[in-house]
Protein backbone atom coordinates (compact mmCIF):
# COMPACT_ATOMS: atom_id res chain seq x y z
CA MET A 1 -21.02 13.53 -43.19
CA ALA A 2 -18.83 14.51 -40.25
CA ILE A 3 -20.00 18.13 -40.59
CA ASP A 4 -23.64 17.01 -40.48
CA ALA A 5 -22.96 14.97 -37.34
CA GLN A 6 -21.27 17.93 -35.64
CA ALA A 7 -24.14 20.20 -36.61
CA ALA A 8 -26.67 17.74 -35.19
CA VAL A 9 -24.78 17.56 -31.92
CA ALA A 10 -24.49 21.35 -31.76
CA ALA A 11 -28.23 21.69 -32.43
CA GLN A 12 -28.97 19.52 -29.40
CA GLY A 13 -26.80 21.72 -27.16
CA MET A 14 -24.22 19.00 -26.51
CA THR A 15 -20.45 19.37 -26.35
CA VAL A 16 -18.35 16.40 -27.37
CA VAL A 17 -14.75 16.40 -26.16
CA ALA A 18 -12.31 13.75 -27.34
CA ARG A 19 -10.14 12.38 -24.52
CA THR A 20 -7.39 9.80 -24.38
CA GLN A 21 -7.57 6.75 -22.13
CA SER A 22 -5.15 8.27 -19.62
CA GLN A 23 -7.27 11.43 -19.44
CA LEU A 24 -10.39 9.36 -18.81
CA VAL A 25 -8.62 7.43 -16.05
CA ARG A 26 -7.46 10.63 -14.36
CA ARG A 27 -10.92 12.21 -14.53
CA ARG A 28 -12.59 9.13 -13.07
CA PHE A 29 -10.02 8.88 -10.30
CA PHE A 30 -10.16 12.52 -9.27
CA ARG A 31 -13.95 12.35 -9.14
CA HIS A 32 -13.74 9.49 -6.64
CA ARG A 33 -14.13 11.29 -3.31
CA ALA A 34 -13.06 8.38 -1.11
CA ALA A 35 -9.87 7.96 -3.15
CA LEU A 36 -9.03 11.65 -2.83
CA ILE A 37 -9.62 11.51 0.93
CA GLY A 38 -7.41 8.42 1.07
CA MET A 39 -4.64 10.22 -0.83
CA LEU A 40 -4.88 13.19 1.54
CA VAL A 41 -4.75 11.00 4.66
CA PHE A 42 -1.95 8.77 3.42
CA GLY A 43 0.09 11.71 2.15
CA SER A 44 -0.31 13.44 5.51
CA VAL A 45 0.81 10.32 7.41
CA VAL A 46 3.87 9.86 5.20
CA LEU A 47 4.77 13.55 5.41
CA LEU A 48 4.38 13.59 9.19
CA ALA A 49 6.37 10.39 9.72
CA PHE A 50 9.34 11.25 7.51
CA THR A 51 9.65 14.97 8.26
CA SER A 52 9.05 14.94 12.01
CA ILE A 53 11.98 12.82 13.25
CA GLY A 54 13.88 12.86 9.95
CA PHE A 55 15.10 9.88 7.98
CA GLY A 56 18.68 8.72 7.64
CA PRO A 57 21.05 11.69 7.50
CA VAL A 58 18.18 14.16 6.98
CA PRO A 59 17.11 15.75 10.29
CA GLY A 60 13.50 16.42 11.21
CA TRP A 61 11.68 19.27 12.90
CA TRP A 62 10.86 17.31 16.08
CA ASP A 63 13.50 17.89 18.75
CA LYS A 64 13.21 14.50 20.48
CA SER A 65 14.63 11.12 19.46
CA TYR A 66 12.98 7.72 19.65
CA LEU A 67 16.25 6.47 21.22
CA SER A 68 16.59 9.06 24.00
CA THR A 69 15.21 8.31 27.45
CA GLY A 70 14.20 10.87 30.07
CA SER A 71 12.21 11.42 33.22
CA VAL A 72 8.56 10.40 33.02
CA VAL A 73 6.31 13.45 33.43
CA ASP A 74 2.73 13.13 34.75
CA GLN A 75 2.85 9.33 34.42
CA GLY A 76 3.64 9.74 30.73
CA ARG A 77 0.22 11.13 29.81
CA PRO A 78 -0.20 12.74 26.36
CA THR A 79 -0.02 16.53 26.29
CA LEU A 80 -1.92 16.78 23.00
CA SER A 81 -5.30 18.52 23.34
CA LEU A 82 -7.76 19.01 20.50
CA VAL A 83 -10.86 20.16 22.42
CA PRO A 84 -11.32 23.97 22.66
CA GLU A 85 -11.88 25.56 26.05
CA PHE A 86 -15.38 26.78 25.17
CA LEU A 87 -16.37 23.13 24.72
CA GLY A 88 -15.03 22.18 28.14
CA GLY A 89 -11.60 21.03 26.98
CA GLU A 90 -8.08 22.22 27.71
CA GLY A 91 -7.71 24.16 24.48
CA ILE A 92 -5.84 23.40 21.27
CA ARG A 93 -2.24 22.62 22.22
CA TRP A 94 0.58 20.29 21.18
CA GLY A 95 2.61 20.13 24.36
CA GLU A 96 5.97 18.64 25.24
CA HIS A 97 4.97 15.02 24.67
CA PRO A 98 1.86 15.00 22.45
CA PHE A 99 1.54 11.19 22.40
CA GLY A 100 2.86 10.76 25.95
CA GLN A 101 5.92 8.79 27.13
CA ASP A 102 6.67 5.10 27.55
CA ASN A 103 7.96 3.32 30.66
CA ILE A 104 11.50 4.68 30.43
CA GLY A 105 10.63 8.21 29.35
CA ILE A 106 11.04 7.92 25.56
CA ASP A 107 8.87 10.40 23.70
CA TYR A 108 6.04 8.29 22.28
CA PHE A 109 5.41 10.59 19.33
CA ALA A 110 8.98 10.02 18.10
CA LEU A 111 8.63 6.29 18.75
CA THR A 112 5.34 6.09 16.84
CA MET A 113 6.76 8.04 13.91
CA ARG A 114 9.72 5.67 13.73
CA GLY A 115 7.37 2.69 13.78
CA THR A 116 5.27 4.31 11.04
CA GLN A 117 8.37 4.82 8.89
CA GLN A 118 9.40 1.18 9.23
CA SER A 119 5.90 -0.16 8.56
CA ILE A 120 5.52 1.98 5.43
CA ILE A 121 8.96 0.97 4.10
CA VAL A 122 8.28 -2.73 4.68
CA ALA A 123 4.83 -2.48 3.10
CA PHE A 124 6.08 -0.76 -0.06
CA ILE A 125 8.97 -3.18 -0.54
CA VAL A 126 6.61 -6.14 -0.05
CA GLY A 127 4.16 -4.62 -2.53
CA LEU A 128 6.89 -3.96 -5.10
CA VAL A 129 8.43 -7.45 -4.85
CA ALA A 130 5.08 -9.28 -4.79
CA THR A 131 3.79 -7.26 -7.75
CA THR A 132 6.94 -7.84 -9.82
CA VAL A 133 7.12 -11.58 -9.16
CA GLY A 134 3.37 -12.09 -9.52
CA THR A 135 3.23 -10.13 -12.78
CA LEU A 136 6.12 -12.06 -14.35
CA ALA A 137 4.80 -15.45 -13.20
CA GLY A 138 1.29 -14.70 -14.44
CA ALA A 139 2.54 -13.26 -17.73
CA PHE A 140 4.75 -16.25 -18.56
CA ALA A 141 2.08 -18.76 -17.51
CA GLY A 142 -0.65 -17.05 -19.51
CA TYR A 143 1.39 -16.51 -22.65
CA PHE A 144 3.50 -19.66 -23.01
CA ARG A 145 0.90 -22.11 -21.60
CA LYS A 146 1.76 -25.87 -21.63
CA LYS A 147 4.64 -26.87 -19.32
CA THR A 148 5.43 -23.32 -18.23
CA GLU A 149 1.85 -22.75 -17.16
CA ALA A 150 1.62 -26.14 -15.46
CA VAL A 151 4.73 -25.60 -13.35
CA LEU A 152 3.98 -21.99 -12.37
CA MET A 153 0.30 -22.58 -11.62
CA ARG A 154 0.94 -25.71 -9.56
CA LEU A 155 3.49 -23.73 -7.53
CA THR A 156 0.90 -20.99 -7.14
CA ASP A 157 -1.76 -23.47 -6.04
CA VAL A 158 0.52 -24.96 -3.41
CA MET A 159 1.37 -21.54 -1.97
CA ILE A 160 -2.27 -20.45 -1.96
CA THR A 161 -3.31 -23.51 0.06
CA ILE A 162 -0.90 -22.55 2.86
CA PRO A 163 -2.08 -19.55 4.94
CA VAL A 164 0.04 -16.51 4.14
CA LEU A 165 0.46 -15.64 7.81
CA ILE A 166 2.06 -19.02 8.52
CA ILE A 167 4.52 -18.70 5.63
CA ALA A 168 5.27 -15.09 6.53
CA ALA A 169 5.79 -16.05 10.19
CA ILE A 170 8.36 -18.69 9.20
CA VAL A 171 10.10 -16.18 6.94
CA GLY A 172 9.99 -13.52 9.65
CA ARG A 173 11.46 -15.90 12.23
CA THR A 174 14.28 -16.81 9.82
CA PHE A 175 15.11 -13.37 8.41
CA GLY A 176 13.75 -10.98 11.06
CA ASP A 177 17.24 -10.22 12.41
CA SER A 178 18.64 -9.42 8.95
CA GLY A 179 17.05 -5.97 8.70
CA ILE A 180 13.74 -4.70 7.37
CA VAL A 181 14.79 -4.72 3.70
CA ILE A 182 15.71 -8.43 3.70
CA LEU A 183 12.59 -9.21 5.75
CA ALA A 184 10.35 -7.27 3.34
CA VAL A 185 11.88 -8.89 0.25
CA CYS A 186 11.41 -12.37 1.70
CA ILE A 187 7.79 -11.65 2.64
CA GLY A 188 7.18 -10.27 -0.86
CA LEU A 189 8.52 -13.50 -2.36
CA VAL A 190 5.76 -15.51 -0.65
CA THR A 191 2.79 -13.14 -1.18
CA TRP A 192 2.62 -12.99 -4.99
CA PRO A 193 0.34 -15.95 -5.96
CA THR A 194 -3.00 -14.08 -5.98
CA LEU A 195 -1.73 -11.42 -8.36
CA SER A 196 -0.16 -14.03 -10.64
CA ARG A 197 -3.53 -15.69 -11.18
CA LEU A 198 -5.11 -12.35 -12.09
CA ILE A 199 -2.37 -11.53 -14.59
CA ARG A 200 -2.53 -15.03 -16.04
CA GLY A 201 -6.25 -14.57 -16.71
CA GLU A 202 -5.60 -11.26 -18.45
CA PHE A 203 -2.88 -12.79 -20.63
CA LEU A 204 -5.04 -15.77 -21.57
CA SER A 205 -7.60 -13.31 -22.91
CA LEU A 206 -5.22 -10.86 -24.59
CA ARG A 207 -2.95 -13.43 -26.26
CA GLU A 208 -5.78 -14.33 -28.65
CA LYS A 209 -6.47 -10.74 -29.73
CA GLU A 210 -5.89 -9.58 -33.29
CA PHE A 211 -3.00 -7.24 -32.46
CA VAL A 212 -1.08 -10.12 -30.84
CA GLU A 213 -1.74 -12.39 -33.83
CA ALA A 214 -0.54 -9.62 -36.14
CA ALA A 215 2.66 -9.22 -34.10
CA ARG A 216 3.32 -12.96 -34.29
CA ALA A 217 2.72 -12.93 -38.06
CA LEU A 218 5.36 -10.20 -38.41
CA GLY A 219 7.88 -12.37 -36.59
CA THR A 220 7.95 -10.35 -33.35
CA SER A 221 9.72 -12.14 -30.52
CA SER A 222 7.75 -13.49 -27.57
CA ARG A 223 9.65 -11.20 -25.21
CA ARG A 224 8.64 -8.11 -27.17
CA ILE A 225 5.02 -9.26 -27.46
CA ILE A 226 4.80 -9.83 -23.70
CA PHE A 227 6.45 -6.60 -22.55
CA ARG A 228 5.52 -4.19 -25.37
CA HIS A 229 2.11 -5.38 -26.54
CA ILE A 230 0.27 -7.35 -23.86
CA LEU A 231 1.68 -6.12 -20.54
CA PRO A 232 0.77 -2.44 -21.13
CA ASN A 233 -2.84 -3.53 -21.57
CA THR A 234 -2.84 -5.07 -18.09
CA VAL A 235 -1.47 -1.99 -16.32
CA GLY A 236 -4.83 -1.25 -14.73
CA VAL A 237 -5.00 -4.65 -13.04
CA ILE A 238 -1.36 -4.39 -11.98
CA ILE A 239 -1.69 -0.93 -10.43
CA VAL A 240 -4.86 -1.77 -8.53
CA SER A 241 -3.44 -5.09 -7.30
CA ALA A 242 -0.18 -3.41 -6.24
CA THR A 243 -2.11 -0.83 -4.23
CA LEU A 244 -4.13 -3.48 -2.43
CA ALA A 245 -0.97 -5.56 -1.88
CA ILE A 246 0.63 -2.61 -0.09
CA ALA A 247 -2.42 -2.22 2.16
CA ASN A 248 -2.38 -5.94 2.97
CA ALA A 249 1.37 -5.77 3.61
CA VAL A 250 0.82 -3.08 6.27
CA LEU A 251 -1.55 -5.39 8.13
CA LEU A 252 0.67 -8.44 7.58
CA GLU A 253 3.78 -6.69 8.89
CA SER A 254 1.83 -5.45 11.90
CA ALA A 255 0.56 -8.96 12.61
CA LEU A 256 4.06 -10.45 12.33
CA SER A 257 5.57 -7.81 14.60
CA PHE A 258 2.71 -8.33 17.06
CA LEU A 259 3.57 -12.04 17.10
CA GLY A 260 7.25 -11.21 17.64
CA VAL A 261 8.51 -12.51 14.29
CA GLY A 262 8.59 -9.24 12.34
CA VAL A 263 10.79 -6.19 12.87
CA GLN A 264 13.16 -6.96 15.74
CA PRO A 265 14.56 -4.68 18.47
CA PRO A 266 16.27 -2.30 18.74
CA ASP A 267 14.22 -1.12 15.76
CA VAL A 268 10.47 -0.69 16.04
CA SER A 269 7.34 -0.95 13.94
CA LEU A 270 3.69 -0.20 14.65
CA GLY A 271 2.83 -3.83 15.26
CA GLN A 272 5.77 -4.24 17.60
CA LEU A 273 4.65 -1.21 19.64
CA ILE A 274 1.19 -2.71 20.03
CA ASP A 275 2.72 -6.00 21.16
CA THR A 276 5.09 -4.28 23.59
CA TYR A 277 2.43 -2.18 25.28
CA ARG A 278 -0.66 -4.39 25.05
CA SER A 279 -0.41 -4.99 28.81
CA ALA A 280 -0.90 -1.23 29.30
CA MET A 281 -4.30 -1.31 27.59
CA THR A 282 -6.20 -0.65 30.82
CA THR A 283 -3.70 1.57 32.67
CA ARG A 284 -2.17 3.69 29.89
CA PRO A 285 -4.28 3.03 26.78
CA TRP A 286 -2.58 5.72 24.68
CA LEU A 287 0.49 3.48 24.38
CA PHE A 288 -1.74 0.92 22.66
CA TRP A 289 -4.07 3.17 20.70
CA TRP A 290 -1.65 5.52 18.90
CA PRO A 291 0.08 2.77 16.84
CA GLY A 292 -3.34 1.24 16.16
CA VAL A 293 -4.71 4.53 14.86
CA PHE A 294 -1.82 4.86 12.40
CA ILE A 295 -2.17 1.24 11.21
CA ILE A 296 -5.87 1.80 10.52
CA ALA A 297 -5.24 5.16 8.84
CA ILE A 298 -2.57 3.74 6.52
CA ALA A 299 -4.47 0.57 5.61
CA LEU A 300 -7.82 2.30 5.03
CA SER A 301 -6.37 5.18 3.02
CA ILE A 302 -4.46 2.83 0.70
CA ASN A 303 -7.58 0.68 0.27
CA PHE A 304 -9.59 3.78 -0.67
CA ILE A 305 -6.92 4.71 -3.21
CA GLY A 306 -7.07 1.18 -4.60
CA ASP A 307 -10.86 1.39 -4.91
CA GLY A 308 -10.53 4.66 -6.80
CA LEU A 309 -7.93 3.20 -9.16
CA ARG A 310 -10.11 0.14 -9.75
CA ASP A 311 -13.08 2.29 -10.74
CA ALA A 312 -10.89 4.57 -12.85
CA PHE A 313 -9.44 1.70 -14.88
CA ASP A 314 -12.78 -0.13 -15.18
CA PRO A 315 -13.64 -0.20 -18.92
CA ARG A 316 -17.33 -0.34 -18.05
CA GLN A 317 -17.11 3.21 -16.73
CA THR A 318 -18.30 4.79 -19.96
CA ARG A 319 -19.88 7.92 -18.58
CA VAL A 320 -17.75 10.99 -19.32
CA ARG A 321 -18.49 14.31 -17.66
CA ALA A 322 -17.58 17.61 -19.26
């Protein structure tokens, strides 16, 4: 019977290739052009930020520090030029201060790269903490139901009714001086409710499936059922939600720093740079625009990656290309 089916397929000029779920997910993702562009942009931003001025004990290739002042040259104008001479520009050149200088002569490229580093670190820690807490809360609420669900979901409802920016601002004001790691962890602990509701919905559906009933009949513990049987089937929702949480965390951190309750001096972040130099919007706009460009690039690229992951994990995507 199988031979007849293969012969019929061959007669129609079709090629059937068996693929695993992970292979299907990879093929769908890498055929998502916006997601690939997002990966390229985000990877370039991360590479530029962490290799240019270095990170921790690892030195970078840029010879100027975000802490070193100097004499302001040409009113701190950027020396970066991207317009060729035959188009009426100054030619392709990097210059001594590609992003310009601030009021006291600090190289603004180094300052922007430091702010990008801090914003990315905060965003990833927030995404990791929020995803972990939200996944556990949603999993326990969806599986155990009854009192556990009532307590966790009422807590979630209360937190959802309060605007995240207000909670995050209070947290930022309280823990902003404790360093970016403590600040990011605290923000992550108040931004998990949306994910928890998604995971709870997935668990409510999966806990009634036959494979879960079979595991219960065999005497499998609840812990093993949650972490070995149900949770792996929600990995698509978790990954997509984590990606979007990181993108939202970039914007949230920027908003908090802009309001003065995020990353505190002497350290910097992209939002803090925008807040510091917003008064220079009309006189020296490059001090305002460069951090804004990197915030938009990071947030958009991560959102594109999240869209690609969502489509890749979507079970309704049944079309398979050779």
